[in-house]
Amino acid sequence: MTFFKSLAHDEQGATAIEYGLIAALIAVAAITAMSALGSTLDGTFSNVSSKMQPGTTGA
């Protein structure tokens, strides 16, 4: 019975789960932000590429 009482008062597992959930939330937010930024950068580089003049060969 003492084992179950100590198990009920042990909060280390709950704290570890909370930290894991926070880390997962931060990871999802970072992935979402990077995905949106990647799309914006792709559009910017495509725009720049289409407006550049081709270079000349030779020196």
PDB file of N, CA and C in Angstrom:
ATOM      1  N   MET A   1       0.827  -1.200   0.000  1.00  0.00           N
ATOM      2  CA  MET A   1       0.000   0.000   0.000  1.00  0.00           C
ATOM      3  C   MET A   1       0.868   1.259   0.000  1.00  0.00           C
ATOM      4  N   THR A   2       2.005   1.210   0.669  1.00  0.00           N
ATOM      5  CA  THR A   2       2.905   2.352   0.716  1.00  0.00           C
ATOM      6  C   THR A   2       3.436   2.681  -0.681  1.00  0.00           C
ATOM      7  N   PHE A   3       3.677   1.651  -1.483  1.00  0.00           N
ATOM      8  CA  PHE A   3       4.159   1.854  -2.848  1.00  0.00           C
ATOM      9  C   PHE A   3       3.167   2.674  -3.666  1.00  0.00           C
ATOM     10  N   PHE A   4       1.880   2.352  -3.526  1.00  0.00           N
ATOM     11  CA  PHE A   4       0.860   3.068  -4.297  1.00  0.00           C
ATOM     12  C   PHE A   4       0.700   4.505  -3.811  1.00  0.00           C
ATOM     13  N   LYS A   5       0.855   4.738  -2.514  1.00  0.00           N
ATOM     14  CA  LYS A   5       0.787   6.106  -1.993  1.00  0.00           C
ATOM     15  C   LYS A   5       1.946   6.947  -2.524  1.00  0.00           C
ATOM     16  N   SER A   6       3.136   6.360  -2.549  1.00  0.00           N
ATOM     17  CA  SER A   6       4.286   7.112  -3.056  1.00  0.00           C
ATOM     18  C   SER A   6       4.161   7.337  -4.566  1.00  0.00           C
ATOM     19  N   LEU A   7       3.579   6.366  -5.253  1.00  0.00           N
ATOM     20  CA  LEU A   7       3.379   6.500  -6.690  1.00  0.00           C
ATOM     21  C   LEU A   7       2.371   7.609  -6.998  1.00  0.00           C
ATOM     22  N   ALA A   8       1.354   7.741  -6.162  1.00  0.00           N
ATOM     23  CA  ALA A   8       0.334   8.766  -6.366  1.00  0.00           C
ATOM     24  C   ALA A   8       0.888  10.167  -6.106  1.00  0.00           C
ATOM     25  N   HIS A   9       1.876  10.292  -5.212  1.00  0.00           N
ATOM     26  CA  HIS A   9       2.440  11.588  -4.887  1.00  0.00           C
ATOM     27  C   HIS A   9       3.614  11.960  -5.792  1.00  0.00           C
ATOM     28  N   ASP A  10       4.083  11.043  -6.593  1.00  0.00           N
ATOM     29  CA  ASP A  10       5.214  11.302  -7.485  1.00  0.00           C
ATOM     30  C   ASP A  10       4.733  12.087  -8.699  1.00  0.00           C
ATOM     31  N   GLU A  11       5.276  13.290  -8.896  1.00  0.00           N
ATOM     32  CA  GLU A  11       4.853  14.140  -9.996  1.00  0.00           C
ATOM     33  C   GLU A  11       5.939  14.304 -11.051  1.00  0.00           C
ATOM     34  N   GLN A  12       7.009  13.536 -10.976  1.00  0.00           N
ATOM     35  CA  GLN A  12       8.081  13.662 -11.963  1.00  0.00           C
ATOM     36  C   GLN A  12       7.606  13.285 -13.365  1.00  0.00           C
ATOM     37  N   GLY A  13       6.826  12.248 -13.465  1.00  0.00           N
ATOM     38  CA  GLY A  13       6.332  11.817 -14.770  1.00  0.00           C
ATOM     39  C   GLY A  13       5.437  12.856 -15.410  1.00  0.00           C
ATOM     40  N   ALA A  14       4.577  13.472 -14.607  1.00  0.00           N
ATOM     41  CA  ALA A  14       3.677  14.497 -15.120  1.00  0.00           C
ATOM     42  C   ALA A  14       4.468  15.709 -15.605  1.00  0.00           C
ATOM     43  N   THR A  15       5.510  16.079 -14.872  1.00  0.00           N
ATOM     44  CA  THR A  15       6.334  17.215 -15.277  1.00  0.00           C
ATOM     45  C   THR A  15       7.058  16.918 -16.583  1.00  0.00           C
ATOM     46  N   ALA A  16       7.570  15.711 -16.729  1.00  0.00           N
ATOM     47  CA  ALA A  16       8.264  15.331 -17.958  1.00  0.00           C
ATOM     48  C   ALA A  16       7.304  15.365 -19.142  1.00  0.00           C
ATOM     49  N   ILE A  17       6.081  14.910 -18.941  1.00  0.00           N
ATOM     50  CA  ILE A  17       5.078  14.940 -20.018  1.00  0.00           C
ATOM     51  C   ILE A  17       4.744  16.382 -20.395  1.00  0.00           C
ATOM     52  N   GLU A  18       4.618  17.256 -19.395  1.00  0.00           N
ATOM     53  CA  GLU A  18       4.325  18.661 -19.674  1.00  0.00           C
ATOM     54  C   GLU A  18       5.447  19.301 -20.487  1.00  0.00           C
ATOM     55  N   TYR A  19       6.692  19.032 -20.117  1.00  0.00           N
ATOM     56  CA  TYR A  19       7.820  19.572 -20.873  1.00  0.00           C
ATOM     57  C   TYR A  19       7.833  19.009 -22.292  1.00  0.00           C
ATOM     58  N   GLY A  20       7.495  17.752 -22.430  1.00  0.00           N
ATOM     59  CA  GLY A  20       7.430  17.149 -23.758  1.00  0.00           C
ATOM     60  C   GLY A  20       6.359  17.794 -24.616  1.00  0.00           C
ATOM     61  N   LEU A  21       5.212  18.085 -24.031  1.00  0.00           N
ATOM     62  CA  LEU A  21       4.134  18.747 -24.774  1.00  0.00           C
ATOM     63  C   LEU A  21       4.518  20.168 -25.169  1.00  0.00           C
ATOM     64  N   ILE A  22       5.205  20.872 -24.288  1.00  0.00           N
ATOM     65  CA  ILE A  22       5.662  22.223 -24.610  1.00  0.00           C
ATOM     66  C   ILE A  22       6.666  22.177 -25.750  1.00  0.00           C
ATOM     67  N   ALA A  23       7.604  21.223 -25.706  1.00  0.00           N
ATOM     68  CA  ALA A  23       8.598  21.093 -26.768  1.00  0.00           C
ATOM     69  C   ALA A  23       7.927  20.757 -28.099  1.00  0.00           C
ATOM     70  N   ALA A  24       6.914  19.899 -28.071  1.00  0.00           N
ATOM     71  CA  ALA A  24       6.193  19.545 -29.295  1.00  0.00           C
ATOM     72  C   ALA A  24       5.451  20.757 -29.856  1.00  0.00           C
ATOM     73  N   LEU A  25       4.855  21.551 -28.995  1.00  0.00           N
ATOM     74  CA  LEU A  25       4.148  22.756 -29.438  1.00  0.00           C
ATOM     75  C   LEU A  25       5.110  23.754 -30.071  1.00  0.00           C
ATOM     76  N   ILE A  26       6.277  23.926 -29.466  1.00  0.00           N
ATOM     77  CA  ILE A  26       7.277  24.827 -30.029  1.00  0.00           C
ATOM     78  C   ILE A  26       7.750  24.308 -31.377  1.00  0.00           C
ATOM     79  N   ALA A  27       7.941  23.003 -31.501  1.00  0.00           N
ATOM     80  CA  ALA A  27       8.381  22.416 -32.767  1.00  0.00           C
ATOM     81  C   ALA A  27       7.338  22.634 -33.865  1.00  0.00           C
ATOM     82  N   VAL A  28       6.075  22.449 -33.548  1.00  0.00           N
ATOM     83  CA  VAL A  28       5.010  22.659 -34.537  1.00  0.00           C
ATOM     84  C   VAL A  28       4.964  24.127 -34.965  1.00  0.00           C
ATOM     85  N   ALA A  29       5.099  25.040 -34.015  1.00  0.00           N
ATOM     86  CA  ALA A  29       5.091  26.465 -34.346  1.00  0.00           C
ATOM     87  C   ALA A  29       6.290  26.819 -35.223  1.00  0.00           C
ATOM     88  N   ALA A  30       7.455  26.270 -34.907  1.00  0.00           N
ATOM     89  CA  ALA A  30       8.655  26.558 -35.703  1.00  0.00           C
ATOM     90  C   ALA A  30       8.522  26.008 -37.117  1.00  0.00           C
ATOM     91  N   ILE A  31       8.005  24.797 -37.258  1.00  0.00           N
ATOM     92  CA  ILE A  31       7.824  24.205 -38.582  1.00  0.00           C
ATOM     93  C   ILE A  31       6.835  25.022 -39.408  1.00  0.00           C
ATOM     94  N   THR A  32       5.758  25.465 -38.797  1.00  0.00           N
ATOM     95  CA  THR A  32       4.762  26.281 -39.498  1.00  0.00           C
ATOM     96  C   THR A  32       5.376  27.605 -39.954  1.00  0.00           C
ATOM     97  N   ALA A  33       6.128  28.252 -39.068  1.00  0.00           N
ATOM     98  CA  ALA A  33       6.747  29.530 -39.414  1.00  0.00           C
ATOM     99  C   ALA A  33       7.772  29.352 -40.523  1.00  0.00           C
ATOM    100  N   MET A  34       8.583  28.311 -40.441  1.00  0.00           N
ATOM    101  CA  MET A  34       9.601  28.083 -41.467  1.00  0.00           C
ATOM    102  C   MET A  34       8.974  27.732 -42.811  1.00  0.00           C
ATOM    103  N   SER A  35       7.868  27.033 -42.785  1.00  0.00           N
ATOM    104  CA  SER A  35       7.178  26.691 -44.026  1.00  0.00           C
ATOM    105  C   SER A  35       6.643  27.949 -44.708  1.00  0.00           C
ATOM    106  N   ALA A  36       6.047  28.828 -43.931  1.00  0.00           N
ATOM    107  CA  ALA A  36       5.530  30.081 -44.491  1.00  0.00           C
ATOM    108  C   ALA A  36       6.673  30.952 -44.999  1.00  0.00           C
ATOM    109  N   LEU A  37       7.755  31.013 -44.267  1.00  0.00           N
ATOM    110  CA  LEU A  37       8.909  31.799 -44.685  1.00  0.00           C
ATOM    111  C   LEU A  37       9.527  31.209 -45.946  1.00  0.00           C
ATOM    112  N   GLY A  38       9.567  29.894 -46.038  1.00  0.00           N
ATOM    113  CA  GLY A  38      10.119  29.237 -47.222  1.00  0.00           C
ATOM    114  C   GLY A  38       9.329  29.564 -48.471  1.00  0.00           C
ATOM    115  N   SER A  39       8.014  29.579 -48.352  1.00  0.00           N
ATOM    116  CA  SER A  39       7.174  29.927 -49.500  1.00  0.00           C
ATOM    117  C   SER A  39       7.414  31.370 -49.935  1.00  0.00           C
ATOM    118  N   THR A  40       7.558  32.257 -48.985  1.00  0.00           N
ATOM    119  CA  THR A  40       7.814  33.661 -49.293  1.00  0.00           C
ATOM    120  C   THR A  40       9.170  33.819 -49.975  1.00  0.00           C
ATOM    121  N   LEU A  41      10.182  33.137 -49.442  1.00  0.00           N
ATOM    122  CA  LEU A  41      11.513  33.225 -50.047  1.00  0.00           C
ATOM    123  C   LEU A  41      11.527  32.630 -51.444  1.00  0.00           C
ATOM    124  N   ASP A  42      10.798  31.557 -51.646  1.00  0.00           N
ATOM    125  CA  ASP A  42      10.731  30.945 -52.972  1.00  0.00           C
ATOM    126  C   ASP A  42      10.155  31.927 -53.988  1.00  0.00           C
ATOM    127  N   GLY A  43       9.105  32.614 -53.606  1.00  0.00           N
ATOM    128  CA  GLY A  43       8.506  33.608 -54.489  1.00  0.00           C
ATOM    129  C   GLY A  43       9.455  34.760 -54.764  1.00  0.00           C
ATOM    130  N   THR A  44      10.177  35.196 -53.754  1.00  0.00           N
ATOM    131  CA  THR A  44      11.121  36.296 -53.917  1.00  0.00           C
ATOM    132  C   THR A  44      12.244  35.907 -54.869  1.00  0.00           C
ATOM    133  N   PHE A  45      12.827  34.735 -54.681  1.00  0.00           N
ATOM    134  CA  PHE A  45      13.923  34.301 -55.541  1.00  0.00           C
ATOM    135  C   PHE A  45      13.439  34.048 -56.981  1.00  0.00           C
ATOM    136  N   SER A  46      12.246  33.548 -57.145  1.00  0.00           N
ATOM    137  CA  SER A  46      11.695  33.361 -58.486  1.00  0.00           C
ATOM    138  C   SER A  46      11.518  34.705 -59.179  1.00  0.00           C
ATOM    139  N   ASN A  47      11.032  35.694 -58.447  1.00  0.00           N
ATOM    140  CA  ASN A  47      10.847  37.034 -58.993  1.00  0.00           C
ATOM    141  C   ASN A  47      12.182  37.638 -59.416  1.00  0.00           C
ATOM    142  N   VAL A  48      13.183  37.533 -58.559  1.00  0.00           N
ATOM    143  CA  VAL A  48      14.504  38.078 -58.873  1.00  0.00           C
ATOM    144  C   VAL A  48      15.098  37.351 -60.077  1.00  0.00           C
ATOM    145  N   SER A  49      14.954  36.034 -60.100  1.00  0.00           N
ATOM    146  CA  SER A  49      15.509  35.244 -61.194  1.00  0.00           C
ATOM    147  C   SER A  49      14.877  35.612 -62.533  1.00  0.00           C
ATOM    148  N   SER A  50      13.582  35.855 -62.536  1.00  0.00           N
ATOM    149  CA  SER A  50      12.911  36.174 -63.796  1.00  0.00           C
ATOM    150  C   SER A  50      13.259  37.576 -64.295  1.00  0.00           C
ATOM    151  N   LYS A  51      13.652  38.485 -63.411  1.00  0.00           N
ATOM    152  CA  LYS A  51      13.945  39.860 -63.814  1.00  0.00           C
ATOM    153  C   LYS A  51      15.426  40.098 -64.122  1.00  0.00           C
ATOM    154  N   MET A  52      16.275  39.130 -63.861  1.00  0.00           N
ATOM    155  CA  MET A  52      17.707  39.311 -64.116  1.00  0.00           C
ATOM    156  C   MET A  52      18.016  39.069 -65.592  1.00  0.00           C
ATOM    157  N   GLN A  53      18.972  39.805 -66.100  1.00  0.00           N
ATOM    158  CA  GLN A  53      19.433  39.627 -67.474  1.00  0.00           C
ATOM    159  C   GLN A  53      20.450  38.499 -67.504  1.00  0.00           C
ATOM    160  N   PRO A  54      20.436  37.681 -68.547  1.00  0.00           N
ATOM    161  CA  PRO A  54      21.450  36.626 -68.623  1.00  0.00           C
ATOM    162  C   PRO A  54      22.832  37.252 -68.783  1.00  0.00           C
ATOM    163  N   GLY A  55      23.816  36.629 -68.173  1.00  0.00           N
ATOM    164  CA  GLY A  55      25.191  37.128 -68.254  1.00  0.00           C
ATOM    165  C   GLY A  55      25.815  36.806 -69.600  1.00  0.00           C
ATOM    166  N   THR A  56      26.895  37.485 -69.930  1.00  0.00           N
ATOM    167  CA  THR A  56      27.620  37.216 -71.165  1.00  0.00           C
ATOM    168  C   THR A  56      28.763  36.260 -70.875  1.00  0.00           C
ATOM    169  N   THR A  57      29.102  35.451 -71.855  1.00  0.00           N
ATOM    170  CA  THR A  57      30.199  34.509 -71.672  1.00  0.00           C
ATOM    171  C   THR A  57      31.497  35.164 -72.128  1.00  0.00           C
ATOM    172  N   GLY A  58      32.580  34.716 -71.598  1.00  0.00           N
ATOM    173  CA  GLY A  58      33.882  35.246 -71.971  1.00  0.00           C
ATOM    174  C   GLY A  58      34.317  36.333 -71.009  1.00  0.00           C
ATOM    175  N   ALA A  59      35.532  36.777 -71.168  1.00  0.00           N
ATOM    176  CA  ALA A  59      36.076  37.765 -70.238  1.00  0.00           C
ATOM    177  C   ALA A  59      36.131  39.143 -70.821  1.00  0.00           C
TER     178      ALA A  59
END
